[in-house]
């Protein structure tokens, strides 16, 4: 099921291809209204879980690419996505894990985040290729912190299940810009709003661009505008991650913390690339639900068990220099 947003966007693109390019709307929706609509969708999901088809690529030993999985239509789900939102901190961190499985009992990788432990991590084992990276939430994005091949905090943002900050007077906050101007002819792609998320960098306390969220600028304000792509910035202001979001579908809203009649959608076809890290992940979600089905400790990072399963040269604490400075 394709959304009305996607249909409207496709019409604009078709007109452009025919040489009859439509003009951008003349009416600008206020930032507060855009955030309110986004959060209305995200806020009804206290949890999210679903089966996934995953295709991942990331650098292995010696820099050679490691690839695994399939998202082809005939492929079966080979993973599980679990999110339990932190009600005390709407902007995160949250409990989250993306698990890649060879079989029901054999896990090949985990990308996750734990509020209880204050940690985020990624590990994988593909035969002789293996690696483990982890760090503390309080240092995520701080100066000198090594980037994970695939960052769980960035994965979370593309799901559209976490609210944006509504207070525009202090960080974290969102600012609005437009790719085109009111009444302009649509250009190479489409008329868009760009929401830029700004936050303070841990340790330095500098205010930095963190990500951009792009939404179609539609003529009909009654049609929900859903994000079509995102970009993440590194500490130097470079766009290091690009995500394309497609095929929005309903989530089954059920379980504690939900109300009858609530509805929400999430993108079910998500393609993410980290070009500078030579990493990518393609996720196709199925059977999305907020049912209270979150196994105890499902997202925890077993520092002793997990780290102990790798050779010392395969384990990287990405913020070790900062943690050492606290002692």
C-alpha atoms as a PDB file:
ATOM      1  CA  UNK A   1       0.000   0.000   0.000  1.00  0.00           C
ATOM      2  CA  UNK A   2       1.484   3.264  -1.118  1.00  0.00           C
ATOM      3  CA  UNK A   3       0.682   6.421   0.732  1.00  0.00           C
ATOM      4  CA  UNK A   4      -1.044   9.504  -0.616  1.00  0.00           C
ATOM      5  CA  UNK A   5       2.193  11.380   0.041  1.00  0.00           C
ATOM      6  CA  UNK A   6       4.123   9.081  -2.239  1.00  0.00           C
ATOM      7  CA  UNK A   7       1.435   9.344  -4.918  1.00  0.00           C
ATOM      8  CA  UNK A   8       1.479  13.130  -4.809  1.00  0.00           C
ATOM      9  CA  UNK A   9       5.257  13.144  -5.072  1.00  0.00           C
ATOM     10  CA  UNK A  10       5.137  10.770  -8.032  1.00  0.00           C
ATOM     11  CA  UNK A  11       2.718  13.109  -9.813  1.00  0.00           C
ATOM     12  CA  UNK A  12       5.147  16.011  -9.424  1.00  0.00           C
ATOM     13  CA  UNK A  13       7.961  13.903 -10.830  1.00  0.00           C
ATOM     14  CA  UNK A  14       5.836  12.722 -13.736  1.00  0.00           C
ATOM     15  CA  UNK A  15       4.894  16.287 -14.641  1.00  0.00           C
ATOM     16  CA  UNK A  16       8.544  17.262 -14.559  1.00  0.00           C
ATOM     17  CA  UNK A  17       9.480  14.394 -16.852  1.00  0.00           C
ATOM     18  CA  UNK A  18       6.841  15.462 -19.358  1.00  0.00           C
ATOM     19  CA  UNK A  19       8.168  18.980 -19.442  1.00  0.00           C
ATOM     20  CA  UNK A  20       5.054  20.292 -17.698  1.00  0.00           C
ATOM     21  CA  UNK A  21       6.779  20.728 -14.363  1.00  0.00           C
ATOM     22  CA  UNK A  22       4.362  21.782 -11.641  1.00  0.00           C
ATOM     23  CA  UNK A  23       5.098  24.790  -9.502  1.00  0.00           C
ATOM     24  CA  UNK A  24       5.912  24.495  -5.845  1.00  0.00           C
ATOM     25  CA  UNK A  25       3.042  25.418  -3.521  1.00  0.00           C
ATOM     26  CA  UNK A  26       2.722  29.079  -2.616  1.00  0.00           C
ATOM     27  CA  UNK A  27       1.526  28.273   0.903  1.00  0.00           C
ATOM     28  CA  UNK A  28       4.227  27.477   3.466  1.00  0.00           C
ATOM     29  CA  UNK A  29       3.266  25.218   6.366  1.00  0.00           C
ATOM     30  CA  UNK A  30       4.674  26.541   9.684  1.00  0.00           C
ATOM     31  CA  UNK A  31       7.436  24.502  11.286  1.00  0.00           C
ATOM     32  CA  UNK A  32       5.320  23.981  14.408  1.00  0.00           C
ATOM     33  CA  UNK A  33       2.599  22.357  12.298  1.00  0.00           C
ATOM     34  CA  UNK A  34       5.079  20.074  10.539  1.00  0.00           C
ATOM     35  CA  UNK A  35       6.574  18.948  13.861  1.00  0.00           C
ATOM     36  CA  UNK A  36       3.112  18.442  15.369  1.00  0.00           C
ATOM     37  CA  UNK A  37       2.049  16.181  12.492  1.00  0.00           C
ATOM     38  CA  UNK A  38       5.304  14.218  12.657  1.00  0.00           C
ATOM     39  CA  UNK A  39       5.009  13.744  16.422  1.00  0.00           C
ATOM     40  CA  UNK A  40       1.332  12.807  16.225  1.00  0.00           C
ATOM     41  CA  UNK A  41       2.394   9.792  14.193  1.00  0.00           C
ATOM     42  CA  UNK A  42       5.441   8.914  16.316  1.00  0.00           C
ATOM     43  CA  UNK A  43       3.921   9.442  19.756  1.00  0.00           C
ATOM     44  CA  UNK A  44       1.349   6.641  19.488  1.00  0.00           C
ATOM     45  CA  UNK A  45       4.166   4.069  19.243  1.00  0.00           C
ATOM     46  CA  UNK A  46       5.634   3.442  22.734  1.00  0.00           C
ATOM     47  CA  UNK A  47       7.278   0.383  21.224  1.00  0.00           C
ATOM     48  CA  UNK A  48       7.902  -1.054  17.804  1.00  0.00           C
ATOM     49  CA  UNK A  49       8.879  -4.476  16.676  1.00  0.00           C
ATOM     50  CA  UNK A  50       8.810  -6.263  13.372  1.00  0.00           C
ATOM     51  CA  UNK A  51      10.387  -8.990  11.322  1.00  0.00           C
ATOM     52  CA  UNK A  52      12.884  -7.722   8.789  1.00  0.00           C
ATOM     53  CA  UNK A  53      14.634  -8.728   5.629  1.00  0.00           C
ATOM     54  CA  UNK A  54      18.145  -7.302   5.853  1.00  0.00           C
ATOM     55  CA  UNK A  55      21.029  -6.823   3.457  1.00  0.00           C
ATOM     56  CA  UNK A  56      24.162  -5.371   5.097  1.00  0.00           C
ATOM     57  CA  UNK A  57      27.592  -4.402   3.798  1.00  0.00           C
ATOM     58  CA  UNK A  58      30.432  -3.041   5.909  1.00  0.00           C
ATOM     59  CA  UNK A  59      34.245  -3.122   5.927  1.00  0.00           C
ATOM     60  CA  UNK A  60      35.784  -6.267   7.313  1.00  0.00           C
ATOM     61  CA  UNK A  61      39.383  -7.105   8.201  1.00  0.00           C
ATOM     62  CA  UNK A  62      41.833  -5.356   5.904  1.00  0.00           C
ATOM     63  CA  UNK A  63      39.070  -3.087   4.655  1.00  0.00           C
ATOM     64  CA  UNK A  64      37.533  -5.753   2.430  1.00  0.00           C
ATOM     65  CA  UNK A  65      33.713  -5.535   2.261  1.00  0.00           C
ATOM     66  CA  UNK A  66      31.599  -8.022   4.179  1.00  0.00           C
ATOM     67  CA  UNK A  67      28.076  -8.516   2.781  1.00  0.00           C
ATOM     68  CA  UNK A  68      25.245 -10.675   4.034  1.00  0.00           C
ATOM     69  CA  UNK A  69      21.508 -11.164   3.612  1.00  0.00           C
ATOM     70  CA  UNK A  70      18.855 -10.519   1.000  1.00  0.00           C
ATOM     71  CA  UNK A  71      15.853  -8.224   0.638  1.00  0.00           C
ATOM     72  CA  UNK A  72      14.578  -9.745  -2.604  1.00  0.00           C
ATOM     73  CA  UNK A  73      10.806 -10.363  -2.727  1.00  0.00           C
ATOM     74  CA  UNK A  74      11.303 -14.134  -2.559  1.00  0.00           C
ATOM     75  CA  UNK A  75      13.620 -13.922   0.459  1.00  0.00           C
ATOM     76  CA  UNK A  76      12.378 -14.824   3.935  1.00  0.00           C
ATOM     77  CA  UNK A  77      12.849 -12.518   6.945  1.00  0.00           C
ATOM     78  CA  UNK A  78      16.334 -12.950   8.371  1.00  0.00           C
ATOM     79  CA  UNK A  79      16.191 -10.541  11.268  1.00  0.00           C
ATOM     80  CA  UNK A  80      14.258  -8.851  14.018  1.00  0.00           C
ATOM     81  CA  UNK A  81      13.886  -5.185  14.985  1.00  0.00           C
ATOM     82  CA  UNK A  82      12.939  -4.216  18.549  1.00  0.00           C
ATOM     83  CA  UNK A  83      12.415  -0.722  19.956  1.00  0.00           C
ATOM     84  CA  UNK A  84      11.202   0.271  23.420  1.00  0.00           C
ATOM     85  CA  UNK A  85      11.123   4.050  23.787  1.00  0.00           C
ATOM     86  CA  UNK A  86      12.473   5.875  26.826  1.00  0.00           C
ATOM     87  CA  UNK A  87       9.458   7.739  28.240  1.00  0.00           C
ATOM     88  CA  UNK A  88      11.740   9.809  30.491  1.00  0.00           C
ATOM     89  CA  UNK A  89      13.845  11.093  27.576  1.00  0.00           C
ATOM     90  CA  UNK A  90      11.814  11.521  24.353  1.00  0.00           C
ATOM     91  CA  UNK A  91      14.949  12.410  22.351  1.00  0.00           C
ATOM     92  CA  UNK A  92      16.714   9.297  23.577  1.00  0.00           C
ATOM     93  CA  UNK A  93      18.628   7.241  24.195  1.00  0.00           C
ATOM     94  CA  UNK A  94      16.173   4.377  23.714  1.00  0.00           C
ATOM     95  CA  UNK A  95      16.288   0.596  24.050  1.00  0.00           C
ATOM     96  CA  UNK A  96      16.807  -0.755  20.556  1.00  0.00           C
ATOM     97  CA  UNK A  97      18.292  -3.711  18.717  1.00  0.00           C
ATOM     98  CA  UNK A  98      18.488  -4.931  15.125  1.00  0.00           C
ATOM     99  CA  UNK A  99      19.387  -8.622  14.995  1.00  0.00           C
ATOM    100  CA  UNK A 100      20.597 -10.504  11.925  1.00  0.00           C
ATOM    101  CA  UNK A 101      20.089 -14.259  12.071  1.00  0.00           C
ATOM    102  CA  UNK A 102      21.320 -17.185  10.024  1.00  0.00           C
ATOM    103  CA  UNK A 103      18.804 -19.407  11.832  1.00  0.00           C
ATOM    104  CA  UNK A 104      16.445 -18.878  14.774  1.00  0.00           C
ATOM    105  CA  UNK A 105      19.243 -19.837  17.164  1.00  0.00           C
ATOM    106  CA  UNK A 106      22.301 -18.490  15.325  1.00  0.00           C
ATOM    107  CA  UNK A 107      22.873 -14.731  15.404  1.00  0.00           C
ATOM    108  CA  UNK A 108      25.342 -13.180  12.972  1.00  0.00           C
ATOM    109  CA  UNK A 109      25.200  -9.562  14.092  1.00  0.00           C
ATOM    110  CA  UNK A 110      23.582  -7.149  16.520  1.00  0.00           C
ATOM    111  CA  UNK A 111      23.305  -3.371  16.336  1.00  0.00           C
ATOM    112  CA  UNK A 112      21.822  -1.997  19.529  1.00  0.00           C
ATOM    113  CA  UNK A 113      21.418   0.486  22.349  1.00  0.00           C
ATOM    114  CA  UNK A 114      20.687   0.060  26.068  1.00  0.00           C
ATOM    115  CA  UNK A 115      19.337   2.774  28.369  1.00  0.00           C
ATOM    116  CA  UNK A 116      20.070   0.685  31.473  1.00  0.00           C
ATOM    117  CA  UNK A 117      23.722   0.245  30.516  1.00  0.00           C
ATOM    118  CA  UNK A 118      24.130   3.658  28.931  1.00  0.00           C
ATOM    119  CA  UNK A 119      25.780   1.918  25.986  1.00  0.00           C
ATOM    120  CA  UNK A 120      25.439   1.459  22.233  1.00  0.00           C
ATOM    121  CA  UNK A 121      27.195  -1.187  20.177  1.00  0.00           C
ATOM    122  CA  UNK A 122      27.614  -3.263  17.043  1.00  0.00           C
ATOM    123  CA  UNK A 123      29.118  -6.702  16.642  1.00  0.00           C
ATOM    124  CA  UNK A 124      29.211  -9.290  13.887  1.00  0.00           C
ATOM    125  CA  UNK A 125      30.555 -12.774  13.228  1.00  0.00           C
ATOM    126  CA  UNK A 126      30.745 -14.067   9.665  1.00  0.00           C
ATOM    127  CA  UNK A 127      33.060 -17.055   9.743  1.00  0.00           C
ATOM    128  CA  UNK A 128      36.584 -15.758  10.293  1.00  0.00           C
ATOM    129  CA  UNK A 129      35.388 -12.163   9.880  1.00  0.00           C
ATOM    130  CA  UNK A 130      34.376 -10.671  13.229  1.00  0.00           C
ATOM    131  CA  UNK A 131      34.365  -7.355  15.027  1.00  0.00           C
ATOM    132  CA  UNK A 132      32.855  -5.537  17.997  1.00  0.00           C
ATOM    133  CA  UNK A 133      32.477  -1.790  18.617  1.00  0.00           C
ATOM    134  CA  UNK A 134      30.858  -0.127  21.610  1.00  0.00           C
ATOM    135  CA  UNK A 135      30.633   3.175  23.431  1.00  0.00           C
ATOM    136  CA  UNK A 136      28.772   5.148  26.095  1.00  0.00           C
ATOM    137  CA  UNK A 137      25.703   7.215  25.262  1.00  0.00           C
ATOM    138  CA  UNK A 138      27.001  10.184  27.210  1.00  0.00           C
ATOM    139  CA  UNK A 139      29.944  10.446  24.796  1.00  0.00           C
ATOM    140  CA  UNK A 140      28.127   9.657  21.520  1.00  0.00           C
ATOM    141  CA  UNK A 141      29.219  12.232  18.946  1.00  0.00           C
ATOM    142  CA  UNK A 142      31.866  13.793  21.211  1.00  0.00           C
ATOM    143  CA  UNK A 143      35.244  14.916  19.803  1.00  0.00           C
ATOM    144  CA  UNK A 144      37.518  12.018  18.931  1.00  0.00           C
ATOM    145  CA  UNK A 145      34.858   9.308  19.238  1.00  0.00           C
ATOM    146  CA  UNK A 146      35.271   6.605  16.591  1.00  0.00           C
ATOM    147  CA  UNK A 147      32.222   6.012  14.378  1.00  0.00           C
ATOM    148  CA  UNK A 148      30.641   2.567  14.420  1.00  0.00           C
ATOM    149  CA  UNK A 149      30.434   0.933  10.960  1.00  0.00           C
ATOM    150  CA  UNK A 150      26.642   1.101  11.366  1.00  0.00           C
ATOM    151  CA  UNK A 151      25.355   3.412  14.114  1.00  0.00           C
ATOM    152  CA  UNK A 152      22.234   2.275  16.049  1.00  0.00           C
ATOM    153  CA  UNK A 153      21.391   5.857  17.033  1.00  0.00           C
ATOM    154  CA  UNK A 154      21.193   6.802  13.361  1.00  0.00           C
ATOM    155  CA  UNK A 155      19.182   3.691  12.498  1.00  0.00           C
ATOM    156  CA  UNK A 156      16.572   4.729  15.057  1.00  0.00           C
ATOM    157  CA  UNK A 157      16.045   8.125  13.443  1.00  0.00           C
ATOM    158  CA  UNK A 158      15.007   6.701  10.078  1.00  0.00           C
ATOM    159  CA  UNK A 159      12.091   4.728  11.540  1.00  0.00           C
ATOM    160  CA  UNK A 160      10.039   7.854  12.265  1.00  0.00           C
ATOM    161  CA  UNK A 161       8.957   6.384  15.602  1.00  0.00           C
ATOM    162  CA  UNK A 162      10.812   8.888  17.819  1.00  0.00           C
ATOM    163  CA  UNK A 163       9.351  12.377  18.352  1.00  0.00           C
ATOM    164  CA  UNK A 164      11.091  15.571  17.262  1.00  0.00           C
ATOM    165  CA  UNK A 165      11.685  18.307  19.886  1.00  0.00           C
ATOM    166  CA  UNK A 166       8.727  20.703  19.971  1.00  0.00           C
ATOM    167  CA  UNK A 167      10.556  23.436  21.913  1.00  0.00           C
ATOM    168  CA  UNK A 168      12.282  25.620  19.308  1.00  0.00           C
ATOM    169  CA  UNK A 169      14.005  27.921  21.796  1.00  0.00           C
ATOM    170  CA  UNK A 170      16.883  25.705  22.954  1.00  0.00           C
ATOM    171  CA  UNK A 171      18.756  22.614  21.776  1.00  0.00           C
ATOM    172  CA  UNK A 172      17.961  19.994  20.865  1.00  0.00           C
ATOM    173  CA  UNK A 173      15.771  21.771  18.331  1.00  0.00           C
ATOM    174  CA  UNK A 174      14.653  21.670  14.712  1.00  0.00           C
ATOM    175  CA  UNK A 175      14.949  24.476  12.138  1.00  0.00           C
ATOM    176  CA  UNK A 176      13.125  24.736   8.805  1.00  0.00           C
ATOM    177  CA  UNK A 177      14.399  25.556   5.331  1.00  0.00           C
ATOM    178  CA  UNK A 178      12.966  24.953   1.865  1.00  0.00           C
ATOM    179  CA  UNK A 179      14.768  23.344  -1.044  1.00  0.00           C
ATOM    180  CA  UNK A 180      12.771  25.571  -3.410  1.00  0.00           C
ATOM    181  CA  UNK A 181      10.909  28.835  -2.966  1.00  0.00           C
ATOM    182  CA  UNK A 182       7.131  29.381  -3.001  1.00  0.00           C
ATOM    183  CA  UNK A 183       5.883  29.330  -6.577  1.00  0.00           C
ATOM    184  CA  UNK A 184       9.178  28.075  -8.058  1.00  0.00           C
ATOM    185  CA  UNK A 185       9.105  25.474 -10.787  1.00  0.00           C
ATOM    186  CA  UNK A 186      10.070  22.132  -9.327  1.00  0.00           C
ATOM    187  CA  UNK A 187      13.654  21.342 -10.138  1.00  0.00           C
ATOM    188  CA  UNK A 188      15.627  18.110 -10.494  1.00  0.00           C
ATOM    189  CA  UNK A 189      13.694  16.211  -7.848  1.00  0.00           C
ATOM    190  CA  UNK A 190      10.769  17.824  -6.045  1.00  0.00           C
ATOM    191  CA  UNK A 191       9.705  20.694  -3.833  1.00  0.00           C
ATOM    192  CA  UNK A 192      10.702  19.853  -0.268  1.00  0.00           C
ATOM    193  CA  UNK A 193      10.871  21.011   3.304  1.00  0.00           C
ATOM    194  CA  UNK A 194      14.190  20.353   5.048  1.00  0.00           C
ATOM    195  CA  UNK A 195      14.101  19.986   8.832  1.00  0.00           C
ATOM    196  CA  UNK A 196      17.557  20.399  10.353  1.00  0.00           C
ATOM    197  CA  UNK A 197      18.083  18.846  13.787  1.00  0.00           C
ATOM    198  CA  UNK A 198      20.624  20.682  15.969  1.00  0.00           C
ATOM    199  CA  UNK A 199      22.014  19.586  19.320  1.00  0.00           C
ATOM    200  CA  UNK A 200      24.913  20.182  21.673  1.00  0.00           C
ATOM    201  CA  UNK A 201      27.975  18.037  21.199  1.00  0.00           C
ATOM    202  CA  UNK A 202      28.910  16.079  24.330  1.00  0.00           C
ATOM    203  CA  UNK A 203      32.021  17.348  26.118  1.00  0.00           C
ATOM    204  CA  UNK A 204      32.603  20.439  23.916  1.00  0.00           C
ATOM    205  CA  UNK A 205      28.994  21.701  24.314  1.00  0.00           C
ATOM    206  CA  UNK A 206      29.117  23.183  20.801  1.00  0.00           C
ATOM    207  CA  UNK A 207      25.808  23.375  18.900  1.00  0.00           C
ATOM    208  CA  UNK A 208      26.145  21.265  15.746  1.00  0.00           C
ATOM    209  CA  UNK A 209      23.995  20.119  12.833  1.00  0.00           C
ATOM    210  CA  UNK A 210      23.125  16.477  13.451  1.00  0.00           C
ATOM    211  CA  UNK A 211      20.685  15.473  10.735  1.00  0.00           C
ATOM    212  CA  UNK A 212      18.338  16.712   8.021  1.00  0.00           C
ATOM    213  CA  UNK A 213      14.882  15.293   7.385  1.00  0.00           C
ATOM    214  CA  UNK A 214      13.310  15.932   3.977  1.00  0.00           C
ATOM    215  CA  UNK A 215       9.537  15.946   3.471  1.00  0.00           C
ATOM    216  CA  UNK A 216       7.521  16.615   0.296  1.00  0.00           C
ATOM    217  CA  UNK A 217       6.078  20.129   0.122  1.00  0.00           C
ATOM    218  CA  UNK A 218       2.551  19.228  -0.933  1.00  0.00           C
ATOM    219  CA  UNK A 219      -0.226  21.402  -2.336  1.00  0.00           C
ATOM    220  CA  UNK A 220      -2.855  19.672  -0.184  1.00  0.00           C
ATOM    221  CA  UNK A 221      -2.191  20.307   3.519  1.00  0.00           C
ATOM    222  CA  UNK A 222      -4.704  17.583   4.398  1.00  0.00           C
ATOM    223  CA  UNK A 223      -2.363  14.935   2.977  1.00  0.00           C
ATOM    224  CA  UNK A 224       0.227  13.869   5.593  1.00  0.00           C
ATOM    225  CA  UNK A 225       3.763  14.683   4.498  1.00  0.00           C
ATOM    226  CA  UNK A 226       6.044  11.764   5.357  1.00  0.00           C
ATOM    227  CA  UNK A 227       9.853  11.918   5.259  1.00  0.00           C
ATOM    228  CA  UNK A 228      11.345  10.615   2.018  1.00  0.00           C
ATOM    229  CA  UNK A 229      15.039  10.814   2.902  1.00  0.00           C
ATOM    230  CA  UNK A 230      17.438  11.809   5.680  1.00  0.00           C
ATOM    231  CA  UNK A 231      21.054  12.878   5.931  1.00  0.00           C
ATOM    232  CA  UNK A 232      23.324  12.731   8.989  1.00  0.00           C
ATOM    233  CA  UNK A 233      26.250  15.063   9.655  1.00  0.00           C
ATOM    234  CA  UNK A 234      29.593  14.306  11.248  1.00  0.00           C
ATOM    235  CA  UNK A 235      31.274  16.725  13.643  1.00  0.00           C
ATOM    236  CA  UNK A 236      32.859  18.581  10.712  1.00  0.00           C
ATOM    237  CA  UNK A 237      29.504  19.240   9.039  1.00  0.00           C
ATOM    238  CA  UNK A 238      29.882  16.621   6.300  1.00  0.00           C
ATOM    239  CA  UNK A 239      26.873  14.554   5.265  1.00  0.00           C
ATOM    240  CA  UNK A 240      28.119  11.094   6.127  1.00  0.00           C
ATOM    241  CA  UNK A 241      24.900   9.075   6.006  1.00  0.00           C
ATOM    242  CA  UNK A 242      22.036   9.110   3.509  1.00  0.00           C
ATOM    243  CA  UNK A 243      18.763   7.224   3.964  1.00  0.00           C
ATOM    244  CA  UNK A 244      15.865   6.777   1.547  1.00  0.00           C
ATOM    245  CA  UNK A 245      12.479   5.932   3.047  1.00  0.00           C
ATOM    246  CA  UNK A 246       9.764   4.280   1.009  1.00  0.00           C
ATOM    247  CA  UNK A 247       6.538   2.265   1.135  1.00  0.00           C
ATOM    248  CA  UNK A 248       4.897   3.598   4.316  1.00  0.00           C
ATOM    249  CA  UNK A 249       2.562   1.040   5.882  1.00  0.00           C
ATOM    250  CA  UNK A 250       0.369   0.925   9.005  1.00  0.00           C
ATOM    251  CA  UNK A 251       1.657  -0.312  12.350  1.00  0.00           C
ATOM    252  CA  UNK A 252      -0.630  -2.498  14.435  1.00  0.00           C
ATOM    253  CA  UNK A 253      -1.215  -0.328  17.514  1.00  0.00           C
ATOM    254  CA  UNK A 254      -1.827  -2.512  20.562  1.00  0.00           C
ATOM    255  CA  UNK A 255      -0.547  -3.170  24.068  1.00  0.00           C
ATOM    256  CA  UNK A 256       0.166  -0.992  27.142  1.00  0.00           C
ATOM    257  CA  UNK A 257       0.403   2.737  26.586  1.00  0.00           C
ATOM    258  CA  UNK A 258      -1.781   2.739  23.469  1.00  0.00           C
ATOM    259  CA  UNK A 259      -5.365   3.826  22.863  1.00  0.00           C
ATOM    260  CA  UNK A 260      -8.048   2.251  20.730  1.00  0.00           C
ATOM    261  CA  UNK A 261      -8.350   4.092  17.446  1.00  0.00           C
ATOM    262  CA  UNK A 262      -4.735   5.282  17.371  1.00  0.00           C
ATOM    263  CA  UNK A 263      -2.977   4.842  14.037  1.00  0.00           C
ATOM    264  CA  UNK A 264       0.573   5.253  12.787  1.00  0.00           C
ATOM    265  CA  UNK A 265       2.695   4.409   9.766  1.00  0.00           C
ATOM    266  CA  UNK A 266       6.406   3.717   9.301  1.00  0.00           C
ATOM    267  CA  UNK A 267       8.569   3.319   6.203  1.00  0.00           C
ATOM    268  CA  UNK A 268       8.976  -0.361   5.423  1.00  0.00           C
ATOM    269  CA  UNK A 269      11.599  -0.058   2.674  1.00  0.00           C
ATOM    270  CA  UNK A 270      14.683   1.701   4.079  1.00  0.00           C
ATOM    271  CA  UNK A 271      17.998   2.029   2.255  1.00  0.00           C
ATOM    272  CA  UNK A 272      20.891   3.570   4.192  1.00  0.00           C
ATOM    273  CA  UNK A 273      24.431   4.306   3.030  1.00  0.00           C
ATOM    274  CA  UNK A 274      27.538   5.524   4.858  1.00  0.00           C
ATOM    275  CA  UNK A 275      29.727   6.222   1.780  1.00  0.00           C
ATOM    276  CA  UNK A 276      32.825   7.287   3.726  1.00  0.00           C
ATOM    277  CA  UNK A 277      32.648   4.102   5.817  1.00  0.00           C
ATOM    278  CA  UNK A 278      31.807   1.869   2.834  1.00  0.00           C
ATOM    279  CA  UNK A 279      28.802   0.592   4.782  1.00  0.00           C
ATOM    280  CA  UNK A 280      25.168   0.140   3.837  1.00  0.00           C
ATOM    281  CA  UNK A 281      22.035  -1.551   5.090  1.00  0.00           C
ATOM    282  CA  UNK A 282      18.782  -2.283   3.282  1.00  0.00           C
ATOM    283  CA  UNK A 283      15.845  -3.075   5.568  1.00  0.00           C
ATOM    284  CA  UNK A 284      12.397  -4.297   4.558  1.00  0.00           C
ATOM    285  CA  UNK A 285      10.014  -4.362   7.542  1.00  0.00           C
ATOM    286  CA  UNK A 286       7.031  -6.690   7.914  1.00  0.00           C
ATOM    287  CA  UNK A 287       4.380  -7.351  10.578  1.00  0.00           C
ATOM    288  CA  UNK A 288       5.095  -4.106  12.473  1.00  0.00           C
ATOM    289  CA  UNK A 289       3.363  -3.893  15.832  1.00  0.00           C
ATOM    290  CA  UNK A 290       3.488  -2.138  19.209  1.00  0.00           C
ATOM    291  CA  UNK A 291       2.447  -5.320  20.985  1.00  0.00           C
ATOM    292  CA  UNK A 292       4.236  -5.680  24.327  1.00  0.00           C
ATOM    293  CA  UNK A 293       6.596  -8.354  23.100  1.00  0.00           C
ATOM    294  CA  UNK A 294      10.063  -7.317  24.170  1.00  0.00           C
ATOM    295  CA  UNK A 295      12.123 -10.153  25.667  1.00  0.00           C
ATOM    296  CA  UNK A 296      13.931  -9.205  28.860  1.00  0.00           C
ATOM    297  CA  UNK A 297      17.524  -8.156  28.150  1.00  0.00           C
ATOM    298  CA  UNK A 298      16.946  -8.511  24.393  1.00  0.00           C
ATOM    299  CA  UNK A 299      18.882  -5.336  23.641  1.00  0.00           C
ATOM    300  CA  UNK A 300      21.547  -5.513  26.361  1.00  0.00           C
ATOM    301  CA  UNK A 301      25.228  -5.471  25.495  1.00  0.00           C
ATOM    302  CA  UNK A 302      26.955  -8.224  27.437  1.00  0.00           C
ATOM    303  CA  UNK A 303      30.288  -6.485  27.968  1.00  0.00           C
ATOM    304  CA  UNK A 304      31.905  -9.553  29.527  1.00  0.00           C
ATOM    305  CA  UNK A 305      30.274 -12.195  27.365  1.00  0.00           C
ATOM    306  CA  UNK A 306      30.327 -10.363  24.045  1.00  0.00           C
ATOM    307  CA  UNK A 307      33.779  -8.843  24.392  1.00  0.00           C
ATOM    308  CA  UNK A 308      35.093 -12.145  25.705  1.00  0.00           C
ATOM    309  CA  UNK A 309      33.947 -13.879  22.525  1.00  0.00           C
ATOM    310  CA  UNK A 310      36.296 -11.746  20.397  1.00  0.00           C
ATOM    311  CA  UNK A 311      40.049 -11.413  20.209  1.00  0.00           C
ATOM    312  CA  UNK A 312      41.375  -8.226  21.772  1.00  0.00           C
ATOM    313  CA  UNK A 313      42.305  -6.856  18.349  1.00  0.00           C
ATOM    314  CA  UNK A 314      38.678  -7.312  17.210  1.00  0.00           C
ATOM    315  CA  UNK A 315      37.177  -5.133  19.971  1.00  0.00           C
ATOM    316  CA  UNK A 316      37.051  -1.331  19.881  1.00  0.00           C
ATOM    317  CA  UNK A 317      35.722   0.900  22.648  1.00  0.00           C
ATOM    318  CA  UNK A 318      35.054   3.977  20.536  1.00  0.00           C
ATOM    319  CA  UNK A 319      35.267   6.499  23.392  1.00  0.00           C
ATOM    320  CA  UNK A 320      37.964   4.902  25.528  1.00  0.00           C
ATOM    321  CA  UNK A 321      39.993   8.129  25.679  1.00  0.00           C
ATOM    322  CA  UNK A 322      37.050  10.026  27.186  1.00  0.00           C
ATOM    323  CA  UNK A 323      36.096   7.365  29.692  1.00  0.00           C
ATOM    324  CA  UNK A 324      39.724   7.179  30.835  1.00  0.00           C
ATOM    325  CA  UNK A 325      39.796  10.949  31.370  1.00  0.00           C
ATOM    326  CA  UNK A 326      36.953  10.650  33.913  1.00  0.00           C
ATOM    327  CA  UNK A 327      38.922   8.338  36.181  1.00  0.00           C
END
